[in-house]
Amino acid sequence: MYFQNFEQLLHMDGHGAFVWAAYAITVFVIIAILLAPGRRQRRFLTQLAGELKRQRVTDSNAGEN
């Protein structure tokens, strides 16, 4: 292994903060990309349910007249 101990692995000759920050940002972006479609689908289904409910109310009110 290139590093003698865990502390050297974290420090990386003074570049550790940049390297580990880049890894953290990358992981965050990948997780966001994977979760976004599910959130978008839930939001769409909620909006669709609201529209269908409004349409049913409008249709039932039109039938009463």
N, C-alpha and C. Protein backbone atom coordinates (compact mmCIF):
# COMPACT_ATOMS: atom_id res chain seq x y z
N MET A 1 0.84 -1.17 0.00
CA MET A 1 0.00 0.00 0.00
C MET A 1 0.89 1.24 0.00
N TYR A 2 0.42 2.27 -0.64
CA TYR A 2 1.20 3.49 -0.79
C TYR A 2 1.36 4.23 0.53
N PHE A 3 0.34 4.25 1.36
CA PHE A 3 0.37 4.99 2.62
C PHE A 3 0.76 4.07 3.77
N GLN A 4 1.54 4.58 4.69
CA GLN A 4 2.02 3.78 5.81
C GLN A 4 0.95 3.62 6.90
N ASN A 5 0.09 4.63 7.06
CA ASN A 5 -0.96 4.55 8.08
C ASN A 5 -2.17 5.37 7.62
N PHE A 6 -3.20 5.30 8.43
CA PHE A 6 -4.46 5.96 8.09
C PHE A 6 -4.32 7.48 8.07
N GLU A 7 -3.52 8.04 8.95
CA GLU A 7 -3.32 9.48 9.00
C GLU A 7 -2.70 9.99 7.70
N GLN A 8 -1.73 9.27 7.18
CA GLN A 8 -1.12 9.66 5.90
C GLN A 8 -2.14 9.56 4.76
N LEU A 9 -2.99 8.58 4.85
CA LEU A 9 -4.03 8.44 3.83
C LEU A 9 -4.95 9.65 3.83
N LEU A 10 -5.33 10.11 5.01
CA LEU A 10 -6.20 11.28 5.10
C LEU A 10 -5.49 12.56 4.70
N HIS A 11 -4.23 12.69 5.04
CA HIS A 11 -3.48 13.91 4.79
C HIS A 11 -3.01 14.01 3.33
N MET A 12 -2.55 12.92 2.76
CA MET A 12 -2.10 12.83 1.36
C MET A 12 -1.11 13.92 0.98
N ASP A 13 -0.07 14.05 1.76
CA ASP A 13 1.00 15.04 1.51
C ASP A 13 0.46 16.46 1.34
N GLY A 14 -0.57 16.81 2.13
CA GLY A 14 -1.12 18.15 2.08
C GLY A 14 -2.27 18.34 1.11
N HIS A 15 -2.57 17.33 0.33
CA HIS A 15 -3.64 17.43 -0.67
C HIS A 15 -4.92 16.72 -0.24
N GLY A 16 -4.91 16.13 0.92
CA GLY A 16 -6.04 15.33 1.38
C GLY A 16 -7.36 16.07 1.43
N ALA A 17 -7.33 17.32 1.90
CA ALA A 17 -8.58 18.09 2.00
C ALA A 17 -9.23 18.26 0.63
N PHE A 18 -8.44 18.52 -0.38
CA PHE A 18 -8.99 18.71 -1.73
C PHE A 18 -9.49 17.40 -2.32
N VAL A 19 -8.70 16.34 -2.11
CA VAL A 19 -9.08 15.03 -2.66
C VAL A 19 -10.36 14.52 -2.01
N TRP A 20 -10.42 14.57 -0.68
CA TRP A 20 -11.59 14.04 0.02
C TRP A 20 -12.82 14.92 -0.22
N ALA A 21 -12.62 16.22 -0.38
CA ALA A 21 -13.75 17.10 -0.72
C ALA A 21 -14.29 16.76 -2.11
N ALA A 22 -13.40 16.48 -3.04
CA ALA A 22 -13.83 16.11 -4.39
C ALA A 22 -14.61 14.79 -4.36
N TYR A 23 -14.13 13.83 -3.57
CA TYR A 23 -14.86 12.56 -3.44
C TYR A 23 -16.24 12.80 -2.83
N ALA A 24 -16.31 13.63 -1.79
CA ALA A 24 -17.59 13.89 -1.12
C ALA A 24 -18.57 14.57 -2.07
N ILE A 25 -18.10 15.54 -2.83
CA ILE A 25 -18.97 16.23 -3.78
C ILE A 25 -19.47 15.27 -4.85
N THR A 26 -18.58 14.42 -5.33
CA THR A 26 -18.95 13.44 -6.36
C THR A 26 -20.02 12.48 -5.85
N VAL A 27 -19.84 11.97 -4.65
CA VAL A 27 -20.81 11.04 -4.07
C VAL A 27 -22.16 11.75 -3.87
N PHE A 28 -22.12 13.00 -3.39
CA PHE A 28 -23.35 13.76 -3.20
C PHE A 28 -24.09 13.95 -4.52
N VAL A 29 -23.38 14.30 -5.56
CA VAL A 29 -24.01 14.52 -6.87
C VAL A 29 -24.60 13.23 -7.42
N ILE A 30 -23.88 12.14 -7.28
CA ILE A 30 -24.39 10.85 -7.78
C ILE A 30 -25.65 10.45 -7.02
N ILE A 31 -25.66 10.63 -5.71
CA ILE A 31 -26.86 10.31 -4.92
C ILE A 31 -28.02 11.19 -5.34
N ALA A 32 -27.76 12.48 -5.55
CA ALA A 32 -28.82 13.39 -5.99
C ALA A 32 -29.38 12.98 -7.35
N ILE A 33 -28.50 12.56 -8.26
CA ILE A 33 -28.94 12.13 -9.59
C ILE A 33 -29.79 10.87 -9.49
N LEU A 34 -29.44 9.98 -8.57
CA LEU A 34 -30.21 8.74 -8.42
C LEU A 34 -31.55 8.97 -7.75
N LEU A 35 -31.64 9.95 -6.83
CA LEU A 35 -32.88 10.19 -6.10
C LEU A 35 -33.85 11.13 -6.82
N ALA A 36 -33.35 11.96 -7.72
CA ALA A 36 -34.18 12.97 -8.38
C ALA A 36 -35.38 12.39 -9.13
N PRO A 37 -35.24 11.32 -9.90
CA PRO A 37 -36.42 10.81 -10.63
C PRO A 37 -37.54 10.35 -9.70
N GLY A 38 -37.20 9.76 -8.57
CA GLY A 38 -38.23 9.33 -7.62
C GLY A 38 -38.99 10.51 -7.04
N ARG A 39 -38.25 11.56 -6.68
CA ARG A 39 -38.89 12.77 -6.15
C ARG A 39 -39.77 13.41 -7.21
N ARG A 40 -39.28 13.45 -8.44
CA ARG A 40 -40.04 14.04 -9.55
C ARG A 40 -41.32 13.25 -9.80
N GLN A 41 -41.24 11.92 -9.73
CA GLN A 41 -42.41 11.08 -9.95
C GLN A 41 -43.45 11.28 -8.84
N ARG A 42 -43.01 11.33 -7.59
CA ARG A 42 -43.95 11.56 -6.49
C ARG A 42 -44.65 12.91 -6.63
N ARG A 43 -43.89 13.93 -7.00
CA ARG A 43 -44.48 15.26 -7.17
C ARG A 43 -45.51 15.24 -8.30
N PHE A 44 -45.18 14.57 -9.41
CA PHE A 44 -46.10 14.47 -10.55
C PHE A 44 -47.38 13.74 -10.15
N LEU A 45 -47.24 12.62 -9.43
CA LEU A 45 -48.42 11.85 -9.03
C LEU A 45 -49.30 12.64 -8.07
N THR A 46 -48.68 13.41 -7.20
CA THR A 46 -49.45 14.26 -6.28
C THR A 46 -50.23 15.31 -7.05
N GLN A 47 -49.58 15.95 -8.02
CA GLN A 47 -50.26 16.95 -8.84
C GLN A 47 -51.38 16.33 -9.66
N LEU A 48 -51.12 15.15 -10.21
CA LEU A 48 -52.14 14.47 -11.01
C LEU A 48 -53.34 14.10 -10.16
N ALA A 49 -53.09 13.62 -8.94
CA ALA A 49 -54.20 13.27 -8.05
C ALA A 49 -55.04 14.51 -7.73
N GLY A 50 -54.40 15.63 -7.51
CA GLY A 50 -55.12 16.87 -7.25
C GLY A 50 -55.95 17.30 -8.43
N GLU A 51 -55.39 17.20 -9.62
CA GLU A 51 -56.14 17.57 -10.83
C GLU A 51 -57.34 16.65 -11.04
N LEU A 52 -57.15 15.35 -10.81
CA LEU A 52 -58.27 14.41 -10.97
C LEU A 52 -59.37 14.69 -9.95
N LYS A 53 -58.97 15.03 -8.73
CA LYS A 53 -59.96 15.34 -7.70
C LYS A 53 -60.74 16.59 -8.07
N ARG A 54 -60.04 17.63 -8.55
CA ARG A 54 -60.72 18.85 -8.98
C ARG A 54 -61.66 18.57 -10.16
N GLN A 55 -61.23 17.71 -11.06
CA GLN A 55 -62.05 17.38 -12.22
C GLN A 55 -63.31 16.63 -11.79
N ARG A 56 -63.18 15.71 -10.84
CA ARG A 56 -64.35 14.97 -10.34
C ARG A 56 -65.34 15.92 -9.68
N VAL A 57 -64.83 16.88 -8.90
CA VAL A 57 -65.71 17.85 -8.24
C VAL A 57 -66.42 18.69 -9.28
N THR A 58 -65.69 19.14 -10.30
CA THR A 58 -66.27 19.96 -11.37
C THR A 58 -67.32 19.17 -12.13
N ASP A 59 -67.01 17.90 -12.44
CA ASP A 59 -67.97 17.05 -13.18
C ASP A 59 -69.23 16.79 -12.35
N SER A 60 -69.07 16.57 -11.05
CA SER A 60 -70.25 16.30 -10.23
C SER A 60 -71.09 17.55 -10.06
N ASN A 61 -70.47 18.71 -10.01
CA ASN A 61 -71.22 19.97 -9.94
C ASN A 61 -71.94 20.26 -11.26
N ALA A 62 -71.34 19.90 -12.37
CA ALA A 62 -71.97 20.12 -13.67
C ALA A 62 -73.19 19.20 -13.83
N GLY A 63 -73.14 18.01 -13.27
CA GLY A 63 -74.24 17.06 -13.37
C GLY A 63 -75.45 17.48 -12.54
N GLU A 64 -75.23 18.29 -11.50
CA GLU A 64 -76.31 18.74 -10.65
C GLU A 64 -77.14 19.83 -11.32
N ASN A 65 -76.56 20.55 -12.29
CA ASN A 65 -77.24 21.67 -12.93
C ASN A 65 -78.11 21.21 -14.03
